[in-house]
Amino acid sequence: MSIDQADQIDAVTIDAARATCQLTIIDHLAWDHAHLQALELKINHYLKFIESGEIFVQHPAAANCDFRIEVAAIYTPPPTVLAFFGQAKLVLESAGVLLSVGPLGSGYADGPA
């Protein structure tokens, strides 16, 4: 699964000891306007998945967990995308969900070797 499948949850990781549930978006696309729109749709789907309670139907162990949406990207987000993430963080935090962004793997594919 990946970012181009907006209605799918790519990965769910539950850490019962820390009472956290991380929903990961696997982002393999290069950055352009269509990519940003796809990412916004995917984040909205993840939020709906949490707020509707569907997360608890599919993953009962997520009960009483704090939620985080992690965007795991192959390519370094440009400044315009970082600004989008800043706004998205505010919206998600108001819903009680954290947002984090980082590389898929040990570093971005277009970063220093």
PDB file of N, CA and C in Angstrom:
ATOM      1  N   MET A   1       0.840  -1.177   0.000  1.00  0.00           N
ATOM      2  CA  MET A   1       0.000   0.000   0.000  1.00  0.00           C
ATOM      3  C   MET A   1       0.885   1.240   0.000  1.00  0.00           C
ATOM      4  N   SER A   2       0.318   2.344  -0.443  1.00  0.00           N
ATOM      5  CA  SER A   2       1.104   3.566  -0.521  1.00  0.00           C
ATOM      6  C   SER A   2       0.189   4.773  -0.628  1.00  0.00           C
ATOM      7  N   ILE A   3       0.810   5.912  -0.771  1.00  0.00           N
ATOM      8  CA  ILE A   3       0.081   7.177  -0.784  1.00  0.00           C
ATOM      9  C   ILE A   3      -0.948   7.254  -1.912  1.00  0.00           C
ATOM     10  N   ASP A   4      -0.712   6.564  -3.018  1.00  0.00           N
ATOM     11  CA  ASP A   4      -1.661   6.650  -4.122  1.00  0.00           C
ATOM     12  C   ASP A   4      -2.901   5.781  -3.917  1.00  0.00           C
ATOM     13  N   GLN A   5      -3.016   5.130  -2.776  1.00  0.00           N
ATOM     14  CA  GLN A   5      -4.224   4.400  -2.393  1.00  0.00           C
ATOM     15  C   GLN A   5      -4.836   5.130  -1.196  1.00  0.00           C
ATOM     16  N   ALA A   6      -5.545   6.215  -1.485  1.00  0.00           N
ATOM     17  CA  ALA A   6      -6.014   7.134  -0.439  1.00  0.00           C
ATOM     18  C   ALA A   6      -6.940   6.485   0.575  1.00  0.00           C
ATOM     19  N   ASP A   7      -7.669   5.462   0.169  1.00  0.00           N
ATOM     20  CA  ASP A   7      -8.643   4.864   1.078  1.00  0.00           C
ATOM     21  C   ASP A   7      -8.096   3.660   1.848  1.00  0.00           C
ATOM     22  N   GLN A   8      -6.792   3.457   1.811  1.00  0.00           N
ATOM     23  CA  GLN A   8      -6.163   2.333   2.508  1.00  0.00           C
ATOM     24  C   GLN A   8      -5.238   2.845   3.613  1.00  0.00           C
ATOM     25  N   ILE A   9      -5.185   2.105   4.715  1.00  0.00           N
ATOM     26  CA  ILE A   9      -4.226   2.395   5.779  1.00  0.00           C
ATOM     27  C   ILE A   9      -2.985   1.566   5.476  1.00  0.00           C
ATOM     28  N   ASP A  10      -1.843   2.218   5.336  1.00  0.00           N
ATOM     29  CA  ASP A  10      -0.623   1.521   4.929  1.00  0.00           C
ATOM     30  C   ASP A  10      -0.069   0.628   6.033  1.00  0.00           C
ATOM     31  N   ALA A  11       0.023   1.154   7.249  1.00  0.00           N
ATOM     32  CA  ALA A  11       0.581   0.374   8.354  1.00  0.00           C
ATOM     33  C   ALA A  11       0.084   0.924   9.682  1.00  0.00           C
ATOM     34  N   VAL A  12      -0.158   0.019  10.626  1.00  0.00           N
ATOM     35  CA  VAL A  12      -0.553   0.380  11.988  1.00  0.00           C
ATOM     36  C   VAL A  12       0.403  -0.330  12.937  1.00  0.00           C
ATOM     37  N   THR A  13       1.002   0.443  13.838  1.00  0.00           N
ATOM     38  CA  THR A  13       1.901  -0.113  14.843  1.00  0.00           C
ATOM     39  C   THR A  13       1.394   0.310  16.213  1.00  0.00           C
ATOM     40  N   ILE A  14       1.135  -0.664  17.067  1.00  0.00           N
ATOM     41  CA  ILE A  14       0.639  -0.384  18.415  1.00  0.00           C
ATOM     42  C   ILE A  14       1.715  -0.764  19.419  1.00  0.00           C
ATOM     43  N   ASP A  15       2.056   0.186  20.279  1.00  0.00           N
ATOM     44  CA  ASP A  15       2.990  -0.055  21.379  1.00  0.00           C
ATOM     45  C   ASP A  15       2.173  -0.003  22.663  1.00  0.00           C
ATOM     46  N   ALA A  16       1.755  -1.167  23.131  1.00  0.00           N
ATOM     47  CA  ALA A  16       0.885  -1.239  24.308  1.00  0.00           C
ATOM     48  C   ALA A  16       1.572  -0.699  25.553  1.00  0.00           C
ATOM     49  N   ALA A  17       2.869  -0.920  25.672  1.00  0.00           N
ATOM     50  CA  ALA A  17       3.600  -0.456  26.854  1.00  0.00           C
ATOM     51  C   ALA A  17       3.591   1.064  26.953  1.00  0.00           C
ATOM     52  N   ARG A  18       3.632   1.738  25.809  1.00  0.00           N
ATOM     53  CA  ARG A  18       3.628   3.209  25.792  1.00  0.00           C
ATOM     54  C   ARG A  18       2.248   3.774  25.500  1.00  0.00           C
ATOM     55  N   ALA A  19       1.288   2.908  25.255  1.00  0.00           N
ATOM     56  CA  ALA A  19      -0.081   3.315  24.917  1.00  0.00           C
ATOM     57  C   ALA A  19      -0.092   4.268  23.725  1.00  0.00           C
ATOM     58  N   THR A  20       0.633   3.867  22.670  1.00  0.00           N
ATOM     59  CA  THR A  20       0.669   4.666  21.449  1.00  0.00           C
ATOM     60  C   THR A  20       0.277   3.807  20.250  1.00  0.00           C
ATOM     61  N   CYS A  21      -0.350   4.452  19.302  1.00  0.00           N
ATOM     62  CA  CYS A  21      -0.729   3.808  18.051  1.00  0.00           C
ATOM     63  C   CYS A  21      -0.260   4.712  16.917  1.00  0.00           C
ATOM     64  N   GLN A  22       0.633   4.184  16.095  1.00  0.00           N
ATOM     65  CA  GLN A  22       1.154   4.952  14.963  1.00  0.00           C
ATOM     66  C   GLN A  22       0.572   4.400  13.674  1.00  0.00           C
ATOM     67  N   LEU A  23      -0.001   5.292  12.881  1.00  0.00           N
ATOM     68  CA  LEU A  23      -0.500   4.949  11.556  1.00  0.00           C
ATOM     69  C   LEU A  23       0.463   5.571  10.556  1.00  0.00           C
ATOM     70  N   THR A  24       1.069   4.743   9.728  1.00  0.00           N
ATOM     71  CA  THR A  24       2.119   5.208   8.828  1.00  0.00           C
ATOM     72  C   THR A  24       1.607   5.324   7.401  1.00  0.00           C
ATOM     73  N   ILE A  25       1.963   6.444   6.770  1.00  0.00           N
ATOM     74  CA  ILE A  25       1.712   6.654   5.344  1.00  0.00           C
ATOM     75  C   ILE A  25       3.034   6.404   4.628  1.00  0.00           C
ATOM     76  N   ILE A  26       3.047   5.426   3.730  1.00  0.00           N
ATOM     77  CA  ILE A  26       4.238   5.120   2.942  1.00  0.00           C
ATOM     78  C   ILE A  26       4.193   6.007   1.699  1.00  0.00           C
ATOM     79  N   ASP A  27       5.145   6.931   1.613  1.00  0.00           N
ATOM     80  CA  ASP A  27       5.136   7.949   0.555  1.00  0.00           C
ATOM     81  C   ASP A  27       6.338   7.755  -0.363  1.00  0.00           C
ATOM     82  N   HIS A  28       6.079   7.196  -1.532  1.00  0.00           N
ATOM     83  CA  HIS A  28       7.144   6.874  -2.479  1.00  0.00           C
ATOM     84  C   HIS A  28       7.216   7.835  -3.670  1.00  0.00           C
ATOM     85  N   LEU A  29       6.405   8.864  -3.682  1.00  0.00           N
ATOM     86  CA  LEU A  29       6.316   9.748  -4.848  1.00  0.00           C
ATOM     87  C   LEU A  29       7.258  10.945  -4.758  1.00  0.00           C
ATOM     88  N   ALA A  30       7.666  11.443  -5.930  1.00  0.00           N
ATOM     89  CA  ALA A  30       8.395  12.710  -6.005  1.00  0.00           C
ATOM     90  C   ALA A  30       7.397  13.832  -5.723  1.00  0.00           C
ATOM     91  N   TRP A  31       7.901  14.961  -5.222  1.00  0.00           N
ATOM     92  CA  TRP A  31       7.013  16.043  -4.802  1.00  0.00           C
ATOM     93  C   TRP A  31       6.546  16.882  -5.981  1.00  0.00           C
ATOM     94  N   ASP A  32       5.220  17.001  -6.130  1.00  0.00           N
ATOM     95  CA  ASP A  32       4.591  17.926  -7.069  1.00  0.00           C
ATOM     96  C   ASP A  32       3.199  18.244  -6.522  1.00  0.00           C
ATOM     97  N   HIS A  33       2.454  19.072  -7.235  1.00  0.00           N
ATOM     98  CA  HIS A  33       1.147  19.511  -6.727  1.00  0.00           C
ATOM     99  C   HIS A  33       0.182  18.335  -6.547  1.00  0.00           C
ATOM    100  N   ALA A  34       0.158  17.424  -7.513  1.00  0.00           N
ATOM    101  CA  ALA A  34      -0.743  16.270  -7.414  1.00  0.00           C
ATOM    102  C   ALA A  34      -0.375  15.401  -6.217  1.00  0.00           C
ATOM    103  N   HIS A  35       0.910  15.313  -5.938  1.00  0.00           N
ATOM    104  CA  HIS A  35       1.379  14.535  -4.788  1.00  0.00           C
ATOM    105  C   HIS A  35       0.847  15.143  -3.496  1.00  0.00           C
ATOM    106  N   LEU A  36       0.932  16.437  -3.379  1.00  0.00           N
ATOM    107  CA  LEU A  36       0.456  17.112  -2.172  1.00  0.00           C
ATOM    108  C   LEU A  36      -1.052  16.896  -1.988  1.00  0.00           C
ATOM    109  N   GLN A  37      -1.804  16.948  -3.074  1.00  0.00           N
ATOM    110  CA  GLN A  37      -3.245  16.679  -2.992  1.00  0.00           C
ATOM    111  C   GLN A  37      -3.507  15.242  -2.541  1.00  0.00           C
ATOM    112  N   ALA A  38      -2.749  14.291  -3.062  1.00  0.00           N
ATOM    113  CA  ALA A  38      -2.903  12.886  -2.669  1.00  0.00           C
ATOM    114  C   ALA A  38      -2.571  12.707  -1.194  1.00  0.00           C
ATOM    115  N   LEU A  39      -1.551  13.405  -0.734  1.00  0.00           N
ATOM    116  CA  LEU A  39      -1.162  13.319   0.668  1.00  0.00           C
ATOM    117  C   LEU A  39      -2.255  13.889   1.571  1.00  0.00           C
ATOM    118  N   GLU A  40      -2.836  15.005   1.174  1.00  0.00           N
ATOM    119  CA  GLU A  40      -3.916  15.600   1.962  1.00  0.00           C
ATOM    120  C   GLU A  40      -5.113  14.643   2.061  1.00  0.00           C
ATOM    121  N   LEU A  41      -5.471  14.010   0.955  1.00  0.00           N
ATOM    122  CA  LEU A  41      -6.565  13.033   0.967  1.00  0.00           C
ATOM    123  C   LEU A  41      -6.246  11.867   1.896  1.00  0.00           C
ATOM    124  N   LYS A  42      -5.015  11.398   1.839  1.00  0.00           N
ATOM    125  CA  LYS A  42      -4.611  10.252   2.655  1.00  0.00           C
ATOM    126  C   LYS A  42      -4.637  10.614   4.137  1.00  0.00           C
ATOM    127  N   ILE A  43      -4.125  11.772   4.498  1.00  0.00           N
ATOM    128  CA  ILE A  43      -4.145  12.207   5.900  1.00  0.00           C
ATOM    129  C   ILE A  43      -5.588  12.336   6.382  1.00  0.00           C
ATOM    130  N   ASN A  44      -6.452  12.916   5.559  1.00  0.00           N
ATOM    131  CA  ASN A  44      -7.868  13.039   5.932  1.00  0.00           C
ATOM    132  C   ASN A  44      -8.512  11.669   6.141  1.00  0.00           C
ATOM    133  N   HIS A  45      -8.154  10.703   5.308  1.00  0.00           N
ATOM    134  CA  HIS A  45      -8.688   9.346   5.476  1.00  0.00           C
ATOM    135  C   HIS A  45      -8.211   8.745   6.797  1.00  0.00           C
ATOM    136  N   TYR A  46      -6.950   8.943   7.130  1.00  0.00           N
ATOM    137  CA  TYR A  46      -6.425   8.428   8.391  1.00  0.00           C
ATOM    138  C   TYR A  46      -7.160   9.049   9.574  1.00  0.00           C
ATOM    139  N   LEU A  47      -7.383  10.355   9.517  1.00  0.00           N
ATOM    140  CA  LEU A  47      -8.092  11.023  10.605  1.00  0.00           C
ATOM    141  C   LEU A  47      -9.522  10.486  10.728  1.00  0.00           C
ATOM    142  N   LYS A  48     -10.184  10.303   9.611  1.00  0.00           N
ATOM    143  CA  LYS A  48     -11.541   9.738   9.625  1.00  0.00           C
ATOM    144  C   LYS A  48     -11.526   8.326  10.212  1.00  0.00           C
ATOM    145  N   PHE A  49     -10.520   7.534   9.874  1.00  0.00           N
ATOM    146  CA  PHE A  49     -10.370   6.169  10.388  1.00  0.00           C
ATOM    147  C   PHE A  49     -10.283   6.178  11.913  1.00  0.00           C
ATOM    148  N   ILE A  50      -9.581   7.162  12.459  1.00  0.00           N
ATOM    149  CA  ILE A  50      -9.456   7.282  13.915  1.00  0.00           C
ATOM    150  C   ILE A  50     -10.755   7.810  14.520  1.00  0.00           C
ATOM    151  N   GLU A  51     -11.232   8.949  14.003  1.00  0.00           N
ATOM    152  CA  GLU A  51     -12.392   9.617  14.602  1.00  0.00           C
ATOM    153  C   GLU A  51     -13.675   8.794  14.509  1.00  0.00           C
ATOM    154  N   SER A  52     -13.810   7.990  13.475  1.00  0.00           N
ATOM    155  CA  SER A  52     -15.022   7.177  13.314  1.00  0.00           C
ATOM    156  C   SER A  52     -15.034   5.969  14.245  1.00  0.00           C
ATOM    157  N   GLY A  53     -13.871   5.650  14.816  1.00  0.00           N
ATOM    158  CA  GLY A  53     -13.769   4.474  15.669  1.00  0.00           C
ATOM    159  C   GLY A  53     -13.443   3.200  14.911  1.00  0.00           C
ATOM    160  N   GLU A  54     -13.321   3.286  13.597  1.00  0.00           N
ATOM    161  CA  GLU A  54     -12.990   2.104  12.798  1.00  0.00           C
ATOM    162  C   GLU A  54     -11.649   1.499  13.230  1.00  0.00           C
ATOM    163  N   ILE A  55     -10.736   2.341  13.679  1.00  0.00           N
ATOM    164  CA  ILE A  55      -9.448   1.839  14.182  1.00  0.00           C
ATOM    165  C   ILE A  55      -9.661   0.800  15.278  1.00  0.00           C
ATOM    166  N   PHE A  56     -10.651   1.024  16.138  1.00  0.00           N
ATOM    167  CA  PHE A  56     -10.885   0.111  17.267  1.00  0.00           C
ATOM    168  C   PHE A  56     -11.557  -1.186  16.823  1.00  0.00           C
ATOM    169  N   VAL A  57     -12.296  -1.123  15.725  1.00  0.00           N
ATOM    170  CA  VAL A  57     -12.909  -2.334  15.174  1.00  0.00           C
ATOM    171  C   VAL A  57     -11.822  -3.233  14.587  1.00  0.00           C
ATOM    172  N   GLN A  58     -10.918  -2.624  13.815  1.00  0.00           N
ATOM    173  CA  GLN A  58      -9.866  -3.401  13.159  1.00  0.00           C
ATOM    174  C   GLN A  58      -8.687  -3.706  14.079  1.00  0.00           C
ATOM    175  N   HIS A  59      -8.459  -2.833  15.063  1.00  0.00           N
ATOM    176  CA  HIS A  59      -7.313  -2.985  15.972  1.00  0.00           C
ATOM    177  C   HIS A  59      -7.767  -2.688  17.399  1.00  0.00           C
ATOM    178  N   PRO A  60      -8.445  -3.621  18.050  1.00  0.00           N
ATOM    179  CA  PRO A  60      -8.956  -3.380  19.407  1.00  0.00           C
ATOM    180  C   PRO A  60      -7.868  -2.966  20.398  1.00  0.00           C
ATOM    181  N   ALA A  61      -6.637  -3.379  20.169  1.00  0.00           N
ATOM    182  CA  ALA A  61      -5.541  -3.024  21.075  1.00  0.00           C
ATOM    183  C   ALA A  61      -5.227  -1.530  21.047  1.00  0.00           C
ATOM    184  N   ALA A  62      -5.797  -0.798  20.090  1.00  0.00           N
ATOM    185  CA  ALA A  62      -5.567   0.646  20.006  1.00  0.00           C
ATOM    186  C   ALA A  62      -6.395   1.428  21.021  1.00  0.00           C
ATOM    187  N   ALA A  63      -7.297   0.747  21.718  1.00  0.00           N
ATOM    188  CA  ALA A  63      -8.108   1.425  22.738  1.00  0.00           C
ATOM    189  C   ALA A  63      -7.193   2.050  23.780  1.00  0.00           C
ATOM    190  N   ASN A  64      -7.513   3.251  24.179  1.00  0.00           N
ATOM    191  CA  ASN A  64      -6.756   4.004  25.188  1.00  0.00           C
ATOM    192  C   ASN A  64      -5.355   4.411  24.736  1.00  0.00           C
ATOM    193  N   CYS A  65      -5.104   4.370  23.451  1.00  0.00           N
ATOM    194  CA  CYS A  65      -3.802   4.789  22.925  1.00  0.00           C
ATOM    195  C   CYS A  65      -3.844   6.251  22.477  1.00  0.00           C
ATOM    196  N   ASP A  66      -2.686   6.881  22.493  1.00  0.00           N
ATOM    197  CA  ASP A  66      -2.496   8.172  21.841  1.00  0.00           C
ATOM    198  C   ASP A  66      -2.151   7.875  20.384  1.00  0.00           C
ATOM    199  N   PHE A  67      -2.615   8.737  19.475  1.00  0.00           N
ATOM    200  CA  PHE A  67      -2.434   8.475  18.049  1.00  0.00           C
ATOM    201  C   PHE A  67      -1.424   9.416  17.418  1.00  0.00           C
ATOM    202  N   ARG A  68      -0.680   8.846  16.474  1.00  0.00           N
ATOM    203  CA  ARG A  68       0.279   9.596  15.670  1.00  0.00           C
ATOM    204  C   ARG A  68       0.153   9.112  14.229  1.00  0.00           C
ATOM    205  N   ILE A  69       0.114  10.071  13.311  1.00  0.00           N
ATOM    206  CA  ILE A  69       0.218   9.762  11.889  1.00  0.00           C
ATOM    207  C   ILE A  69       1.644  10.100  11.485  1.00  0.00           C
ATOM    208  N   GLU A  70       2.333   9.113  10.940  1.00  0.00           N
ATOM    209  CA  GLU A  70       3.720   9.281  10.498  1.00  0.00           C
ATOM    210  C   GLU A  70       3.739   9.229   8.979  1.00  0.00           C
ATOM    211  N   VAL A  71       4.304  10.266   8.350  1.00  0.00           N
ATOM    212  CA  VAL A  71       4.511  10.254   6.907  1.00  0.00           C
ATOM    213  C   VAL A  71       5.959   9.841   6.685  1.00  0.00           C
ATOM    214  N   ALA A  72       6.139   8.671   6.095  1.00  0.00           N
ATOM    215  CA  ALA A  72       7.473   8.135   5.813  1.00  0.00           C
ATOM    216  C   ALA A  72       7.731   8.326   4.323  1.00  0.00           C
ATOM    217  N   ALA A  73       8.527   9.353   3.993  1.00  0.00           N
ATOM    218  CA  ALA A  73       8.726   9.764   2.605  1.00  0.00           C
ATOM    219  C   ALA A  73      10.089   9.328   2.075  1.00  0.00           C
ATOM    220  N   ILE A  74      10.127   9.017   0.797  1.00  0.00           N
ATOM    221  CA  ILE A  74      11.402   8.669   0.160  1.00  0.00           C
ATOM    222  C   ILE A  74      12.203   9.933  -0.143  1.00  0.00           C
ATOM    223  N   TYR A  75      11.509  11.015  -0.553  1.00  0.00           N
ATOM    224  CA  TYR A  75      12.198  12.231  -0.976  1.00  0.00           C
ATOM    225  C   TYR A  75      12.017  13.351   0.044  1.00  0.00           C
ATOM    226  N   THR A  76      13.012  14.201   0.149  1.00  0.00           N
ATOM    227  CA  THR A  76      12.994  15.331   1.070  1.00  0.00           C
ATOM    228  C   THR A  76      11.837  16.273   0.729  1.00  0.00           C
ATOM    229  N   PRO A  77      10.977  16.577   1.701  1.00  0.00           N
ATOM    230  CA  PRO A  77       9.882  17.518   1.426  1.00  0.00           C
ATOM    231  C   PRO A  77      10.427  18.931   1.173  1.00  0.00           C
ATOM    232  N   PRO A  78       9.970  19.596   0.100  1.00  0.00           N
ATOM    233  CA  PRO A  78      10.394  20.973  -0.162  1.00  0.00           C
ATOM    234  C   PRO A  78       9.709  21.939   0.811  1.00  0.00           C
ATOM    235  N   PRO A  79      10.161  23.198   0.846  1.00  0.00           N
ATOM    236  CA  PRO A  79       9.599  24.171   1.788  1.00  0.00           C
ATOM    237  C   PRO A  79       8.078  24.317   1.715  1.00  0.00           C
ATOM    238  N   THR A  80       7.498  24.284   0.521  1.00  0.00           N
ATOM    239  CA  THR A  80       6.038  24.422   0.424  1.00  0.00           C
ATOM    240  C   THR A  80       5.326  23.253   1.104  1.00  0.00           C
ATOM    241  N   VAL A  81       5.899  22.085   1.011  1.00  0.00           N
ATOM    242  CA  VAL A  81       5.308  20.903   1.645  1.00  0.00           C
ATOM    243  C   VAL A  81       5.506  20.968   3.155  1.00  0.00           C
ATOM    244  N   LEU A  82       6.654  21.471   3.585  1.00  0.00           N
ATOM    245  CA  LEU A  82       6.883  21.637   5.025  1.00  0.00           C
ATOM    246  C   LEU A  82       5.868  22.612   5.614  1.00  0.00           C
ATOM    247  N   ALA A  83       5.522  23.660   4.850  1.00  0.00           N
ATOM    248  CA  ALA A  83       4.494  24.603   5.312  1.00  0.00           C
ATOM    249  C   ALA A  83       3.139  23.897   5.427  1.00  0.00           C
ATOM    250  N   PHE A  84       2.827  23.046   4.458  1.00  0.00           N
ATOM    251  CA  PHE A  84       1.592  22.256   4.529  1.00  0.00           C
ATOM    252  C   PHE A  84       1.592  21.383   5.781  1.00  0.00           C
ATOM    253  N   PHE A  85       2.710  20.715   6.043  1.00  0.00           N
ATOM    254  CA  PHE A  85       2.793  19.861   7.231  1.00  0.00           C
ATOM    255  C   PHE A  85       2.598  20.677   8.508  1.00  0.00           C
ATOM    256  N   GLY A  86       3.116  21.897   8.529  1.00  0.00           N
ATOM    257  CA  GLY A  86       2.920  22.757   9.696  1.00  0.00           C
ATOM    258  C   GLY A  86       1.448  23.030   9.953  1.00  0.00           C
ATOM    259  N   GLN A  87       0.702  23.330   8.898  1.00  0.00           N
ATOM    260  CA  GLN A  87      -0.737  23.564   9.035  1.00  0.00           C
ATOM    261  C   GLN A  87      -1.475  22.272   9.398  1.00  0.00           C
ATOM    262  N   ALA A  88      -1.085  21.175   8.766  1.00  0.00           N
ATOM    263  CA  ALA A  88      -1.732  19.887   9.048  1.00  0.00           C
ATOM    264  C   ALA A  88      -1.516  19.477  10.502  1.00  0.00           C
ATOM    265  N   LYS A  89      -0.325  19.749  11.033  1.00  0.00           N
ATOM    266  CA  LYS A  89      -0.046  19.422  12.440  1.00  0.00           C
ATOM    267  C   LYS A  89      -1.018  20.143  13.365  1.00  0.00           C
ATOM    268  N   LEU A  90      -1.275  21.414  13.085  1.00  0.00           N
ATOM    269  CA  LEU A  90      -2.200  22.185  13.921  1.00  0.00           C
ATOM    270  C   LEU A  90      -3.607  21.596  13.890  1.00  0.00           C
ATOM    271  N   VAL A  91      -4.068  21.245  12.704  1.00  0.00           N
ATOM    272  CA  VAL A  91      -5.408  20.672  12.562  1.00  0.00           C
ATOM    273  C   VAL A  91      -5.488  19.329  13.279  1.00  0.00           C
ATOM    274  N   LEU A  92      -4.491  18.483  13.060  1.00  0.00           N
ATOM    275  CA  LEU A  92      -4.509  17.155  13.680  1.00  0.00           C
ATOM    276  C   LEU A  92      -4.381  17.242  15.197  1.00  0.00           C
ATOM    277  N   GLU A  93      -3.517  18.134  15.673  1.00  0.00           N
ATOM    278  CA  GLU A  93      -3.358  18.268  17.124  1.00  0.00           C
ATOM    279  C   GLU A  93      -4.655  18.723  17.780  1.00  0.00           C
ATOM    280  N   SER A  94      -5.436  19.553  17.079  1.00  0.00           N
ATOM    281  CA  SER A  94      -6.724  19.976  17.643  1.00  0.00           C
ATOM    282  C   SER A  94      -7.693  18.797  17.748  1.00  0.00           C
ATOM    283  N   ALA A  95      -7.427  17.734  16.980  1.00  0.00           N
ATOM    284  CA  ALA A  95      -8.234  16.511  17.047  1.00  0.00           C
ATOM    285  C   ALA A  95      -7.582  15.462  17.952  1.00  0.00           C
ATOM    286  N   GLY A  96      -6.467  15.828  18.589  1.00  0.00           N
ATOM    287  CA  GLY A  96      -5.799  14.900  19.494  1.00  0.00           C
ATOM    288  C   GLY A  96      -4.878  13.907  18.818  1.00  0.00           C
ATOM    289  N   VAL A  97      -4.461  14.210  17.596  1.00  0.00           N
ATOM    290  CA  VAL A  97      -3.594  13.314  16.830  1.00  0.00           C
ATOM    291  C   VAL A  97      -2.303  14.058  16.494  1.00  0.00           C
ATOM    292  N   LEU A  98      -1.167  13.411  16.725  1.00  0.00           N
ATOM    293  CA  LEU A  98       0.116  14.006  16.372  1.00  0.00           C
ATOM    294  C   LEU A  98       0.466  13.657  14.929  1.00  0.00           C
ATOM    295  N   LEU A  99       1.278  14.498  14.305  1.00  0.00           N
ATOM    296  CA  LEU A  99       1.769  14.251  12.948  1.00  0.00           C
ATOM    297  C   LEU A  99       3.277  14.358  12.971  1.00  0.00           C
ATOM    298  N   SER A 100       3.942  13.384  12.385  1.00  0.00           N
ATOM    299  CA  SER A 100       5.387  13.460  12.234  1.00  0.00           C
ATOM    300  C   SER A 100       5.748  13.078  10.805  1.00  0.00           C
ATOM    301  N   VAL A 101       6.870  13.612  10.354  1.00  0.00           N
ATOM    302  CA  VAL A 101       7.331  13.399   8.986  1.00  0.00           C
ATOM    303  C   VAL A 101       8.800  13.032   9.042  1.00  0.00           C
ATOM    304  N   GLY A 102       9.176  12.035   8.286  1.00  0.00           N
ATOM    305  CA  GLY A 102      10.571  11.633   8.254  1.00  0.00           C
ATOM    306  C   GLY A 102      10.845  10.759   7.051  1.00  0.00           C
ATOM    307  N   PRO A 103      12.092  10.354   6.920  1.00  0.00           N
ATOM    308  CA  PRO A 103      12.456   9.524   5.774  1.00  0.00           C
ATOM    309  C   PRO A 103      11.958   8.094   5.924  1.00  0.00           C
ATOM    310  N   LEU A 104      11.686   7.480   4.815  1.00  0.00           N
ATOM    311  CA  LEU A 104      11.372   6.055   4.771  1.00  0.00           C
ATOM    312  C   LEU A 104      12.711   5.327   4.754  1.00  0.00           C
ATOM    313  N   GLY A 105      13.067   4.738   5.854  1.00  0.00           N
ATOM    314  CA  GLY A 105      14.382   4.110   5.971  1.00  0.00           C
ATOM    315  C   GLY A 105      15.337   5.015   6.709  1.00  0.00           C
ATOM    316  N   SER A 106      16.613   4.869   6.401  1.00  0.00           N
ATOM    317  CA  SER A 106      17.642   5.586   7.160  1.00  0.00           C
ATOM    318  C   SER A 106      17.872   7.017   6.699  1.00  0.00           C
ATOM    319  N   GLY A 107      17.354   7.401   5.550  1.00  0.00           N
ATOM    320  CA  GLY A 107      17.530   8.764   5.061  1.00  0.00           C
ATOM    321  C   GLY A 107      16.765   8.956   3.765  1.00  0.00           C
ATOM    322  N   TYR A 108      16.613  10.222   3.370  1.00  0.00           N
ATOM    323  CA  TYR A 108      15.917  10.520   2.124  1.00  0.00           C
ATOM    324  C   TYR A 108      16.772  10.092   0.937  1.00  0.00           C
ATOM    325  N   ALA A 109      16.132   9.600  -0.124  1.00  0.00           N
ATOM    326  CA  ALA A 109      16.843   9.121  -1.308  1.00  0.00           C
ATOM    327  C   ALA A 109      17.610  10.236  -2.004  1.00  0.00           C
ATOM    328  N   ASP A 110      17.130  11.470  -1.890  1.00  0.00           N
ATOM    329  CA  ASP A 110      17.785  12.595  -2.547  1.00  0.00           C
ATOM    330  C   ASP A 110      18.676  13.377  -1.589  1.00  0.00           C
ATOM    331  N   GLY A 111      18.922  12.829  -0.414  1.00  0.00           N
ATOM    332  CA  GLY A 111      19.760  13.492   0.587  1.00  0.00           C
ATOM    333  C   GLY A 111      21.221  13.121   0.417  1.00  0.00           C
ATOM    334  N   PRO A 112      22.071  13.623   1.333  1.00  0.00           N
ATOM    335  CA  PRO A 112      23.495  13.311   1.258  1.00  0.00           C
ATOM    336  C   PRO A 112      23.745  11.811   1.428  1.00  0.00           C
ATOM    337  N   ALA A 113      24.737  11.337   0.738  1.00  0.00           N
ATOM    338  CA  ALA A 113      25.074   9.898   0.798  1.00  0.00           C
ATOM    339  C   ALA A 113      25.798   9.550   2.073  1.00  0.00           C
TER     340      ALA A 113
END
